[in-house]
Amino acid sequence: MENTYPDGANYLCADCAHEWPITTAVEAADDDETLVVKDANGNLLADGDSCVLIKDLKVKGTSITLKAGTKIKSIRLVGGDHDIDCKVDGTPYMLKAMYMKKA
């Protein structure tokens, strides 16, 4: 999201109040700007992978909850604090890799 900022050794999302370490999840390579995204277990993710949610996630602004164990197919990696662009039951979502594991 647009309202993230560094706060000491962590990033902070002003919209959802989530904090995460600056050095985890998404890293950029020095020379070719390749996006490196790791799941909750530290496995590398790539475009087109399938993942499973490891935690119930409430969708901000709605009464919808994405349940733990939901399988998400054909993810797309994007830059920013929400690393993964995907669709669940036809609805687009941007999720954080720390709440997913590679299927």
PDB file of N, CA and C in Angstrom:
ATOM      1  N   MET A   1       0.835  -1.175   0.000  1.00  0.00           N
ATOM      2  CA  MET A   1       0.000   0.000   0.000  1.00  0.00           C
ATOM      3  C   MET A   1       0.883   1.242   0.000  1.00  0.00           C
ATOM      4  N   GLU A   2       0.299   2.364  -0.247  1.00  0.00           N
ATOM      5  CA  GLU A   2       1.050   3.601  -0.380  1.00  0.00           C
ATOM      6  C   GLU A   2       1.489   4.186   0.952  1.00  0.00           C
ATOM      7  N   ASN A   3       0.825   3.858   2.039  1.00  0.00           N
ATOM      8  CA  ASN A   3       1.078   4.499   3.321  1.00  0.00           C
ATOM      9  C   ASN A   3       2.010   3.711   4.231  1.00  0.00           C
ATOM     10  N   THR A   4       3.024   3.056   3.670  1.00  0.00           N
ATOM     11  CA  THR A   4       3.993   2.352   4.497  1.00  0.00           C
ATOM     12  C   THR A   4       5.215   3.231   4.690  1.00  0.00           C
ATOM     13  N   TYR A   5       5.864   3.052   5.823  1.00  0.00           N
ATOM     14  CA  TYR A   5       7.058   3.833   6.101  1.00  0.00           C
ATOM     15  C   TYR A   5       7.969   3.044   7.027  1.00  0.00           C
ATOM     16  N   PRO A   6       9.298   3.296   6.949  1.00  0.00           N
ATOM     17  CA  PRO A   6      10.232   2.627   7.841  1.00  0.00           C
ATOM     18  C   PRO A   6      10.146   3.222   9.241  1.00  0.00           C
ATOM     19  N   ASP A   7      10.202   2.363  10.236  1.00  0.00           N
ATOM     20  CA  ASP A   7      10.166   2.794  11.631  1.00  0.00           C
ATOM     21  C   ASP A   7      11.219   1.997  12.385  1.00  0.00           C
ATOM     22  N   GLY A   8      12.433   2.518  12.439  1.00  0.00           N
ATOM     23  CA  GLY A   8      13.534   1.793  13.053  1.00  0.00           C
ATOM     24  C   GLY A   8      13.934   0.620  12.182  1.00  0.00           C
ATOM     25  N   ALA A   9      13.895  -0.602  12.722  1.00  0.00           N
ATOM     26  CA  ALA A   9      14.268  -1.796  11.973  1.00  0.00           C
ATOM     27  C   ALA A   9      13.067  -2.453  11.293  1.00  0.00           C
ATOM     28  N   ASN A  10      11.898  -1.813  11.349  1.00  0.00           N
ATOM     29  CA  ASN A  10      10.678  -2.381  10.780  1.00  0.00           C
ATOM     30  C   ASN A  10      10.031  -1.426   9.804  1.00  0.00           C
ATOM     31  N   TYR A  11       9.203  -1.989   8.909  1.00  0.00           N
ATOM     32  CA  TYR A  11       8.283  -1.198   8.114  1.00  0.00           C
ATOM     33  C   TYR A  11       6.960  -1.196   8.855  1.00  0.00           C
ATOM     34  N   LEU A  12       6.172  -0.151   8.682  1.00  0.00           N
ATOM     35  CA  LEU A  12       4.875  -0.047   9.321  1.00  0.00           C
ATOM     36  C   LEU A  12       3.850   0.374   8.270  1.00  0.00           C
ATOM     37  N   CYS A  13       2.736  -0.349   8.207  1.00  0.00           N
ATOM     38  CA  CYS A  13       1.646  -0.017   7.291  1.00  0.00           C
ATOM     39  C   CYS A  13       0.624   0.816   8.077  1.00  0.00           C
ATOM     40  N   ALA A  14       0.456   2.073   7.683  1.00  0.00           N
ATOM     41  CA  ALA A  14      -0.463   2.969   8.383  1.00  0.00           C
ATOM     42  C   ALA A  14      -1.918   2.551   8.187  1.00  0.00           C
ATOM     43  N   ASP A  15      -2.224   1.839   7.103  1.00  0.00           N
ATOM     44  CA  ASP A  15      -3.599   1.435   6.823  1.00  0.00           C
ATOM     45  C   ASP A  15      -4.049   0.241   7.663  1.00  0.00           C
ATOM     46  N   CYS A  16      -3.181  -0.788   7.749  1.00  0.00           N
ATOM     47  CA  CYS A  16      -3.595  -2.002   8.464  1.00  0.00           C
ATOM     48  C   CYS A  16      -2.831  -2.205   9.776  1.00  0.00           C
ATOM     49  N   ALA A  17      -1.906  -1.299  10.122  1.00  0.00           N
ATOM     50  CA  ALA A  17      -1.130  -1.332  11.362  1.00  0.00           C
ATOM     51  C   ALA A  17      -0.237  -2.565  11.478  1.00  0.00           C
ATOM     52  N   HIS A  18       0.132  -3.150  10.354  1.00  0.00           N
ATOM     53  CA  HIS A  18       1.008  -4.319  10.361  1.00  0.00           C
ATOM     54  C   HIS A  18       2.467  -3.865  10.361  1.00  0.00           C
ATOM     55  N   GLU A  19       3.311  -4.552  11.129  1.00  0.00           N
ATOM     56  CA  GLU A  19       4.746  -4.278  11.153  1.00  0.00           C
ATOM     57  C   GLU A  19       5.497  -5.515  10.700  1.00  0.00           C
ATOM     58  N   TRP A  20       6.604  -5.327   9.957  1.00  0.00           N
ATOM     59  CA  TRP A  20       7.440  -6.442   9.537  1.00  0.00           C
ATOM     60  C   TRP A  20       8.863  -5.941   9.398  1.00  0.00           C
ATOM     61  N   PRO A  21       9.835  -6.835   9.581  1.00  0.00           N
ATOM     62  CA  PRO A  21      11.246  -6.439   9.476  1.00  0.00           C
ATOM     63  C   PRO A  21      11.586  -5.972   8.066  1.00  0.00           C
ATOM     64  N   ILE A  22      12.475  -5.011   7.980  1.00  0.00           N
ATOM     65  CA  ILE A  22      12.863  -4.450   6.688  1.00  0.00           C
ATOM     66  C   ILE A  22      13.551  -5.483   5.806  1.00  0.00           C
ATOM     67  N   THR A  23      14.299  -6.418   6.370  1.00  0.00           N
ATOM     68  CA  THR A  23      15.126  -7.326   5.581  1.00  0.00           C
ATOM     69  C   THR A  23      14.431  -8.628   5.195  1.00  0.00           C
ATOM     70  N   THR A  24      13.155  -8.834   5.513  1.00  0.00           N
ATOM     71  CA  THR A  24      12.516 -10.107   5.179  1.00  0.00           C
ATOM     72  C   THR A  24      11.519  -9.968   4.047  1.00  0.00           C
ATOM     73  N   ALA A  25      11.073 -11.088   3.552  1.00  0.00           N
ATOM     74  CA  ALA A  25      10.017 -11.245   2.541  1.00  0.00           C
ATOM     75  C   ALA A  25      10.433 -10.766   1.157  1.00  0.00           C
ATOM     76  N   VAL A  26      10.639  -9.494   0.927  1.00  0.00           N
ATOM     77  CA  VAL A  26      10.939  -9.012  -0.417  1.00  0.00           C
ATOM     78  C   VAL A  26      12.318  -8.364  -0.408  1.00  0.00           C
ATOM     79  N   GLU A  27      13.160  -8.815  -1.312  1.00  0.00           N
ATOM     80  CA  GLU A  27      14.488  -8.256  -1.459  1.00  0.00           C
ATOM     81  C   GLU A  27      14.737  -8.014  -2.937  1.00  0.00           C
ATOM     82  N   ALA A  28      15.456  -6.978  -3.270  1.00  0.00           N
ATOM     83  CA  ALA A  28      15.785  -6.699  -4.673  1.00  0.00           C
ATOM     84  C   ALA A  28      17.257  -7.012  -4.906  1.00  0.00           C
ATOM     85  N   ALA A  29      17.550  -7.710  -5.998  1.00  0.00           N
ATOM     86  CA  ALA A  29      18.934  -7.988  -6.356  1.00  0.00           C
ATOM     87  C   ALA A  29      19.591  -6.691  -6.824  1.00  0.00           C
ATOM     88  N   ASP A  30      20.910  -6.563  -6.649  1.00  0.00           N
ATOM     89  CA  ASP A  30      21.607  -5.324  -6.933  1.00  0.00           C
ATOM     90  C   ASP A  30      21.630  -4.957  -8.406  1.00  0.00           C
ATOM     91  N   ASP A  31      21.918  -5.910  -9.288  1.00  0.00           N
ATOM     92  CA  ASP A  31      22.176  -5.547 -10.669  1.00  0.00           C
ATOM     93  C   ASP A  31      20.976  -5.625 -11.598  1.00  0.00           C
ATOM     94  N   ASP A  32      20.082  -6.562 -11.445  1.00  0.00           N
ATOM     95  CA  ASP A  32      19.003  -6.704 -12.425  1.00  0.00           C
ATOM     96  C   ASP A  32      17.604  -6.473 -11.856  1.00  0.00           C
ATOM     97  N   GLU A  33      17.499  -6.006 -10.619  1.00  0.00           N
ATOM     98  CA  GLU A  33      16.207  -5.688 -10.006  1.00  0.00           C
ATOM     99  C   GLU A  33      15.224  -6.857 -10.030  1.00  0.00           C
ATOM    100  N   THR A  34      15.707  -8.082  -9.883  1.00  0.00           N
ATOM    101  CA  THR A  34      14.854  -9.255  -9.811  1.00  0.00           C
ATOM    102  C   THR A  34      14.175  -9.291  -8.446  1.00  0.00           C
ATOM    103  N   LEU A  35      12.877  -9.525  -8.441  1.00  0.00           N
ATOM    104  CA  LEU A  35      12.103  -9.558  -7.215  1.00  0.00           C
ATOM    105  C   LEU A  35      12.228 -10.930  -6.568  1.00  0.00           C
ATOM    106  N   VAL A  36      12.612 -10.964  -5.296  1.00  0.00           N
ATOM    107  CA  VAL A  36      12.739 -12.213  -4.554  1.00  0.00           C
ATOM    108  C   VAL A  36      11.727 -12.170  -3.415  1.00  0.00           C
ATOM    109  N   VAL A  37      10.772 -13.104  -3.437  1.00  0.00           N
ATOM    110  CA  VAL A  37       9.733 -13.156  -2.419  1.00  0.00           C
ATOM    111  C   VAL A  37       9.776 -14.526  -1.769  1.00  0.00           C
ATOM    112  N   LYS A  38       9.741 -14.544  -0.420  1.00  0.00           N
ATOM    113  CA  LYS A  38       9.775 -15.801   0.336  1.00  0.00           C
ATOM    114  C   LYS A  38       8.479 -15.962   1.111  1.00  0.00           C
ATOM    115  N   ASP A  39       8.015 -17.221   1.214  1.00  0.00           N
ATOM    116  CA  ASP A  39       6.799 -17.499   1.966  1.00  0.00           C
ATOM    117  C   ASP A  39       7.099 -17.566   3.460  1.00  0.00           C
ATOM    118  N   ALA A  40       6.127 -17.969   4.248  1.00  0.00           N
ATOM    119  CA  ALA A  40       6.277 -18.031   5.701  1.00  0.00           C
ATOM    120  C   ALA A  40       7.349 -19.024   6.139  1.00  0.00           C
ATOM    121  N   ASN A  41       7.624 -20.039   5.323  1.00  0.00           N
ATOM    122  CA  ASN A  41       8.635 -21.039   5.649  1.00  0.00           C
ATOM    123  C   ASN A  41       9.999 -20.724   5.049  1.00  0.00           C
ATOM    124  N   GLY A  42      10.115 -19.627   4.326  1.00  0.00           N
ATOM    125  CA  GLY A  42      11.381 -19.253   3.712  1.00  0.00           C
ATOM    126  C   GLY A  42      11.599 -19.804   2.318  1.00  0.00           C
ATOM    127  N   ASN A  43      10.598 -20.445   1.730  1.00  0.00           N
ATOM    128  CA  ASN A  43      10.705 -20.962   0.363  1.00  0.00           C
ATOM    129  C   ASN A  43      10.531 -19.824  -0.637  1.00  0.00           C
ATOM    130  N   LEU A  44      11.305 -19.863  -1.711  1.00  0.00           N
ATOM    131  CA  LEU A  44      11.188 -18.851  -2.749  1.00  0.00           C
ATOM    132  C   LEU A  44       9.906 -19.047  -3.537  1.00  0.00           C
ATOM    133  N   LEU A  45       9.208 -17.948  -3.822  1.00  0.00           N
ATOM    134  CA  LEU A  45       7.992 -17.991  -4.621  1.00  0.00           C
ATOM    135  C   LEU A  45       8.276 -17.406  -5.995  1.00  0.00           C
ATOM    136  N   ALA A  46       7.530 -17.853  -6.986  1.00  0.00           N
ATOM    137  CA  ALA A  46       7.670 -17.358  -8.351  1.00  0.00           C
ATOM    138  C   ALA A  46       6.277 -17.124  -8.931  1.00  0.00           C
ATOM    139  N   ASP A  47       6.218 -16.335  -9.997  1.00  0.00           N
ATOM    140  CA  ASP A  47       4.940 -16.110 -10.684  1.00  0.00           C
ATOM    141  C   ASP A  47       4.355 -17.446 -11.122  1.00  0.00           C
ATOM    142  N   GLY A  48       3.064 -17.636 -10.904  1.00  0.00           N
ATOM    143  CA  GLY A  48       2.383 -18.853 -11.326  1.00  0.00           C
ATOM    144  C   GLY A  48       2.334 -19.943 -10.275  1.00  0.00           C
ATOM    145  N   ASP A  49       3.026 -19.769  -9.155  1.00  0.00           N
ATOM    146  CA  ASP A  49       2.992 -20.776  -8.085  1.00  0.00           C
ATOM    147  C   ASP A  49       1.620 -20.840  -7.438  1.00  0.00           C
ATOM    148  N   SER A  50       1.371 -21.946  -6.745  1.00  0.00           N
ATOM    149  CA  SER A  50       0.174 -22.100  -5.923  1.00  0.00           C
ATOM    150  C   SER A  50       0.589 -22.019  -4.464  1.00  0.00           C
ATOM    151  N   CYS A  51      -0.248 -21.372  -3.654  1.00  0.00           N
ATOM    152  CA  CYS A  51       0.044 -21.186  -2.234  1.00  0.00           C
ATOM    153  C   CYS A  51      -1.188 -21.514  -1.413  1.00  0.00           C
ATOM    154  N   VAL A  52      -0.971 -21.706  -0.109  1.00  0.00           N
ATOM    155  CA  VAL A  52      -2.048 -21.973   0.830  1.00  0.00           C
ATOM    156  C   VAL A  52      -1.939 -20.956   1.959  1.00  0.00           C
ATOM    157  N   LEU A  53      -3.060 -20.358   2.358  1.00  0.00           N
ATOM    158  CA  LEU A  53      -3.062 -19.418   3.470  1.00  0.00           C
ATOM    159  C   LEU A  53      -2.807 -20.167   4.773  1.00  0.00           C
ATOM    160  N   ILE A  54      -2.006 -19.597   5.653  1.00  0.00           N
ATOM    161  CA  ILE A  54      -1.705 -20.247   6.926  1.00  0.00           C
ATOM    162  C   ILE A  54      -2.448 -19.599   8.084  1.00  0.00           C
ATOM    163  N   LYS A  55      -3.191 -18.536   7.806  1.00  0.00           N
ATOM    164  CA  LYS A  55      -3.887 -17.803   8.854  1.00  0.00           C
ATOM    165  C   LYS A  55      -5.162 -17.207   8.279  1.00  0.00           C
ATOM    166  N   ASP A  56      -6.230 -17.120   9.085  1.00  0.00           N
ATOM    167  CA  ASP A  56      -7.438 -16.423   8.654  1.00  0.00           C
ATOM    168  C   ASP A  56      -7.100 -14.948   8.473  1.00  0.00           C
ATOM    169  N   LEU A  57      -7.506 -14.379   7.334  1.00  0.00           N
ATOM    170  CA  LEU A  57      -7.238 -12.967   7.053  1.00  0.00           C
ATOM    171  C   LEU A  57      -8.550 -12.228   6.851  1.00  0.00           C
ATOM    172  N   LYS A  58      -8.772 -11.190   7.650  1.00  0.00           N
ATOM    173  CA  LYS A  58      -9.948 -10.348   7.477  1.00  0.00           C
ATOM    174  C   LYS A  58      -9.655  -9.349   6.372  1.00  0.00           C
ATOM    175  N   VAL A  59     -10.598  -9.179   5.460  1.00  0.00           N
ATOM    176  CA  VAL A  59     -10.437  -8.239   4.353  1.00  0.00           C
ATOM    177  C   VAL A  59     -10.916  -6.879   4.836  1.00  0.00           C
ATOM    178  N   LYS A  60     -10.021  -5.912   4.776  1.00  0.00           N
ATOM    179  CA  LYS A  60     -10.310  -4.583   5.283  1.00  0.00           C
ATOM    180  C   LYS A  60     -11.476  -3.943   4.525  1.00  0.00           C
ATOM    181  N   GLY A  61     -12.410  -3.368   5.276  1.00  0.00           N
ATOM    182  CA  GLY A  61     -13.540  -2.676   4.676  1.00  0.00           C
ATOM    183  C   GLY A  61     -14.718  -3.553   4.325  1.00  0.00           C
ATOM    184  N   THR A  62     -14.613  -4.862   4.589  1.00  0.00           N
ATOM    185  CA  THR A  62     -15.720  -5.784   4.306  1.00  0.00           C
ATOM    186  C   THR A  62     -15.888  -6.739   5.478  1.00  0.00           C
ATOM    187  N   SER A  63     -16.897  -7.584   5.398  1.00  0.00           N
ATOM    188  CA  SER A  63     -17.093  -8.609   6.421  1.00  0.00           C
ATOM    189  C   SER A  63     -16.530  -9.953   5.971  1.00  0.00           C
ATOM    190  N   ILE A  64     -15.758  -9.951   4.874  1.00  0.00           N
ATOM    191  CA  ILE A  64     -15.201 -11.175   4.308  1.00  0.00           C
ATOM    192  C   ILE A  64     -13.950 -11.586   5.077  1.00  0.00           C
ATOM    193  N   THR A  65     -13.815 -12.884   5.323  1.00  0.00           N
ATOM    194  CA  THR A  65     -12.615 -13.448   5.926  1.00  0.00           C
ATOM    195  C   THR A  65     -12.103 -14.556   5.026  1.00  0.00           C
ATOM    196  N   LEU A  66     -10.846 -14.455   4.616  1.00  0.00           N
ATOM    197  CA  LEU A  66     -10.203 -15.532   3.858  1.00  0.00           C
ATOM    198  C   LEU A  66      -9.712 -16.554   4.872  1.00  0.00           C
ATOM    199  N   LYS A  67     -10.183 -17.768   4.778  1.00  0.00           N
ATOM    200  CA  LYS A  67      -9.904 -18.802   5.771  1.00  0.00           C
ATOM    201  C   LYS A  67      -8.538 -19.449   5.576  1.00  0.00           C
ATOM    202  N   ALA A  68      -7.925 -19.857   6.675  1.00  0.00           N
ATOM    203  CA  ALA A  68      -6.670 -20.612   6.624  1.00  0.00           C
ATOM    204  C   ALA A  68      -6.921 -21.908   5.872  1.00  0.00           C
ATOM    205  N   GLY A  69      -5.980 -22.308   5.037  1.00  0.00           N
ATOM    206  CA  GLY A  69      -6.121 -23.514   4.243  1.00  0.00           C
ATOM    207  C   GLY A  69      -6.657 -23.256   2.847  1.00  0.00           C
ATOM    208  N   THR A  70      -7.052 -22.012   2.547  1.00  0.00           N
ATOM    209  CA  THR A  70      -7.539 -21.677   1.217  1.00  0.00           C
ATOM    210  C   THR A  70      -6.381 -21.753   0.232  1.00  0.00           C
ATOM    211  N   LYS A  71      -6.559 -22.516  -0.848  1.00  0.00           N
ATOM    212  CA  LYS A  71      -5.518 -22.648  -1.863  1.00  0.00           C
ATOM    213  C   LYS A  71      -5.680 -21.543  -2.890  1.00  0.00           C
ATOM    214  N   ILE A  72      -4.578 -20.883  -3.187  1.00  0.00           N
ATOM    215  CA  ILE A  72      -4.566 -19.794  -4.153  1.00  0.00           C
ATOM    216  C   ILE A  72      -3.661 -20.208  -5.294  1.00  0.00           C
ATOM    217  N   LYS A  73      -4.205 -20.201  -6.512  1.00  0.00           N
ATOM    218  CA  LYS A  73      -3.460 -20.648  -7.689  1.00  0.00           C
ATOM    219  C   LYS A  73      -2.992 -19.451  -8.498  1.00  0.00           C
ATOM    220  N   SER A  74      -1.927 -19.640  -9.235  1.00  0.00           N
ATOM    221  CA  SER A  74      -1.405 -18.659 -10.189  1.00  0.00           C
ATOM    222  C   SER A  74      -1.191 -17.284  -9.571  1.00  0.00           C
ATOM    223  N   ILE A  75      -0.314 -17.224  -8.580  1.00  0.00           N
ATOM    224  CA  ILE A  75      -0.011 -15.941  -7.967  1.00  0.00           C
ATOM    225  C   ILE A  75       0.869 -15.109  -8.892  1.00  0.00           C
ATOM    226  N   ARG A  76       0.876 -13.801  -8.656  1.00  0.00           N
ATOM    227  CA  ARG A  76       1.753 -12.897  -9.399  1.00  0.00           C
ATOM    228  C   ARG A  76       2.495 -12.049  -8.376  1.00  0.00           C
ATOM    229  N   LEU A  77       3.819 -12.001  -8.476  1.00  0.00           N
ATOM    230  CA  LEU A  77       4.636 -11.250  -7.540  1.00  0.00           C
ATOM    231  C   LEU A  77       4.692  -9.787  -7.958  1.00  0.00           C
ATOM    232  N   VAL A  78       4.526  -8.897  -6.984  1.00  0.00           N
ATOM    233  CA  VAL A  78       4.580  -7.463  -7.232  1.00  0.00           C
ATOM    234  C   VAL A  78       5.453  -6.814  -6.162  1.00  0.00           C
ATOM    235  N   GLY A  79       5.959  -5.647  -6.442  1.00  0.00           N
ATOM    236  CA  GLY A  79       6.747  -4.910  -5.465  1.00  0.00           C
ATOM    237  C   GLY A  79       5.827  -4.225  -4.463  1.00  0.00           C
ATOM    238  N   GLY A  80       6.392  -3.762  -3.381  1.00  0.00           N
ATOM    239  CA  GLY A  80       5.613  -3.077  -2.351  1.00  0.00           C
ATOM    240  C   GLY A  80       5.463  -3.929  -1.118  1.00  0.00           C
ATOM    241  N   ASP A  81       4.657  -3.453  -0.184  1.00  0.00           N
ATOM    242  CA  ASP A  81       4.514  -4.176   1.077  1.00  0.00           C
ATOM    243  C   ASP A  81       3.585  -5.375   0.977  1.00  0.00           C
ATOM    244  N   HIS A  82       2.634  -5.370   0.070  1.00  0.00           N
ATOM    245  CA  HIS A  82       1.794  -6.536  -0.182  1.00  0.00           C
ATOM    246  C   HIS A  82       2.370  -7.211  -1.420  1.00  0.00           C
ATOM    247  N   ASP A  83       3.042  -8.354  -1.219  1.00  0.00           N
ATOM    248  CA  ASP A  83       3.920  -8.965  -2.214  1.00  0.00           C
ATOM    249  C   ASP A  83       3.206  -9.720  -3.330  1.00  0.00           C
ATOM    250  N   ILE A  84       1.991 -10.195  -3.073  1.00  0.00           N
ATOM    251  CA  ILE A  84       1.346 -11.140  -3.984  1.00  0.00           C
ATOM    252  C   ILE A  84       0.023 -10.577  -4.486  1.00  0.00           C
ATOM    253  N   ASP A  85      -0.146 -10.622  -5.796  1.00  0.00           N
ATOM    254  CA  ASP A  85      -1.389 -10.243  -6.449  1.00  0.00           C
ATOM    255  C   ASP A  85      -2.045 -11.548  -6.895  1.00  0.00           C
ATOM    256  N   CYS A  86      -3.299 -11.776  -6.502  1.00  0.00           N
ATOM    257  CA  CYS A  86      -3.946 -13.053  -6.817  1.00  0.00           C
ATOM    258  C   CYS A  86      -5.456 -12.870  -6.874  1.00  0.00           C
ATOM    259  N   LYS A  87      -6.142 -13.940  -7.233  1.00  0.00           N
ATOM    260  CA  LYS A  87      -7.599 -13.962  -7.217  1.00  0.00           C
ATOM    261  C   LYS A  87      -8.066 -15.141  -6.383  1.00  0.00           C
ATOM    262  N   VAL A  88      -9.063 -14.885  -5.550  1.00  0.00           N
ATOM    263  CA  VAL A  88      -9.696 -15.933  -4.754  1.00  0.00           C
ATOM    264  C   VAL A  88     -11.174 -15.892  -5.112  1.00  0.00           C
ATOM    265  N   ASP A  89     -11.685 -16.960  -5.680  1.00  0.00           N
ATOM    266  CA  ASP A  89     -13.075 -17.044  -6.143  1.00  0.00           C
ATOM    267  C   ASP A  89     -13.420 -15.882  -7.068  1.00  0.00           C
ATOM    268  N   GLY A  90     -12.491 -15.500  -7.936  1.00  0.00           N
ATOM    269  CA  GLY A  90     -12.730 -14.456  -8.922  1.00  0.00           C
ATOM    270  C   GLY A  90     -12.561 -13.037  -8.423  1.00  0.00           C
ATOM    271  N   THR A  91     -12.295 -12.857  -7.139  1.00  0.00           N
ATOM    272  CA  THR A  91     -12.114 -11.523  -6.570  1.00  0.00           C
ATOM    273  C   THR A  91     -10.619 -11.252  -6.399  1.00  0.00           C
ATOM    274  N   PRO A  92     -10.111 -10.143  -6.939  1.00  0.00           N
ATOM    275  CA  PRO A  92      -8.677  -9.852  -6.819  1.00  0.00           C
ATOM    276  C   PRO A  92      -8.299  -9.389  -5.409  1.00  0.00           C
ATOM    277  N   TYR A  93      -7.154  -9.853  -4.942  1.00  0.00           N
ATOM    278  CA  TYR A  93      -6.622  -9.474  -3.636  1.00  0.00           C
ATOM    279  C   TYR A  93      -5.123  -9.233  -3.754  1.00  0.00           C
ATOM    280  N   MET A  94      -4.599  -8.393  -2.879  1.00  0.00           N
ATOM    281  CA  MET A  94      -3.161  -8.229  -2.719  1.00  0.00           C
ATOM    282  C   MET A  94      -2.848  -8.708  -1.303  1.00  0.00           C
ATOM    283  N   LEU A  95      -1.984  -9.713  -1.212  1.00  0.00           N
ATOM    284  CA  LEU A  95      -1.690 -10.344   0.071  1.00  0.00           C
ATOM    285  C   LEU A  95      -0.204 -10.271   0.387  1.00  0.00           C
ATOM    286  N   LYS A  96       0.121 -10.502   1.643  1.00  0.00           N
ATOM    287  CA  LYS A  96       1.505 -10.530   2.078  1.00  0.00           C
ATOM    288  C   LYS A  96       1.990 -11.978   2.085  1.00  0.00           C
ATOM    289  N   ALA A  97       3.206 -12.185   1.622  1.00  0.00           N
ATOM    290  CA  ALA A  97       3.769 -13.535   1.511  1.00  0.00           C
ATOM    291  C   ALA A  97       3.931 -14.191   2.885  1.00  0.00           C
ATOM    292  N   MET A  98       4.048 -13.420   3.923  1.00  0.00           N
ATOM    293  CA  MET A  98       4.267 -13.989   5.260  1.00  0.00           C
ATOM    294  C   MET A  98       3.069 -14.793   5.768  1.00  0.00           C
ATOM    295  N   TYR A  99       1.910 -14.661   5.133  1.00  0.00           N
ATOM    296  CA  TYR A  99       0.719 -15.412   5.522  1.00  0.00           C
ATOM    297  C   TYR A  99       0.432 -16.574   4.594  1.00  0.00           C
ATOM    298  N   MET A 100       1.403 -16.950   3.768  1.00  0.00           N
ATOM    299  CA  MET A 100       1.209 -18.020   2.801  1.00  0.00           C
ATOM    300  C   MET A 100       2.358 -19.024   2.861  1.00  0.00           C
ATOM    301  N   LYS A 101       2.065 -20.243   2.465  1.00  0.00           N
ATOM    302  CA  LYS A 101       3.127 -21.234   2.270  1.00  0.00           C
ATOM    303  C   LYS A 101       2.935 -21.835   0.892  1.00  0.00           C
ATOM    304  N   LYS A 102       4.042 -22.208   0.296  1.00  0.00           N
ATOM    305  CA  LYS A 102       4.023 -22.762  -1.055  1.00  0.00           C
ATOM    306  C   LYS A 102       3.340 -24.115  -1.034  1.00  0.00           C
ATOM    307  N   ALA A 103       2.443 -24.336  -1.991  1.00  0.00           N
ATOM    308  CA  ALA A 103       1.688 -25.607  -2.048  1.00  0.00           C
ATOM    309  C   ALA A 103       2.463 -26.641  -2.837  1.00  0.00           C
TER     310      ALA A 103
END
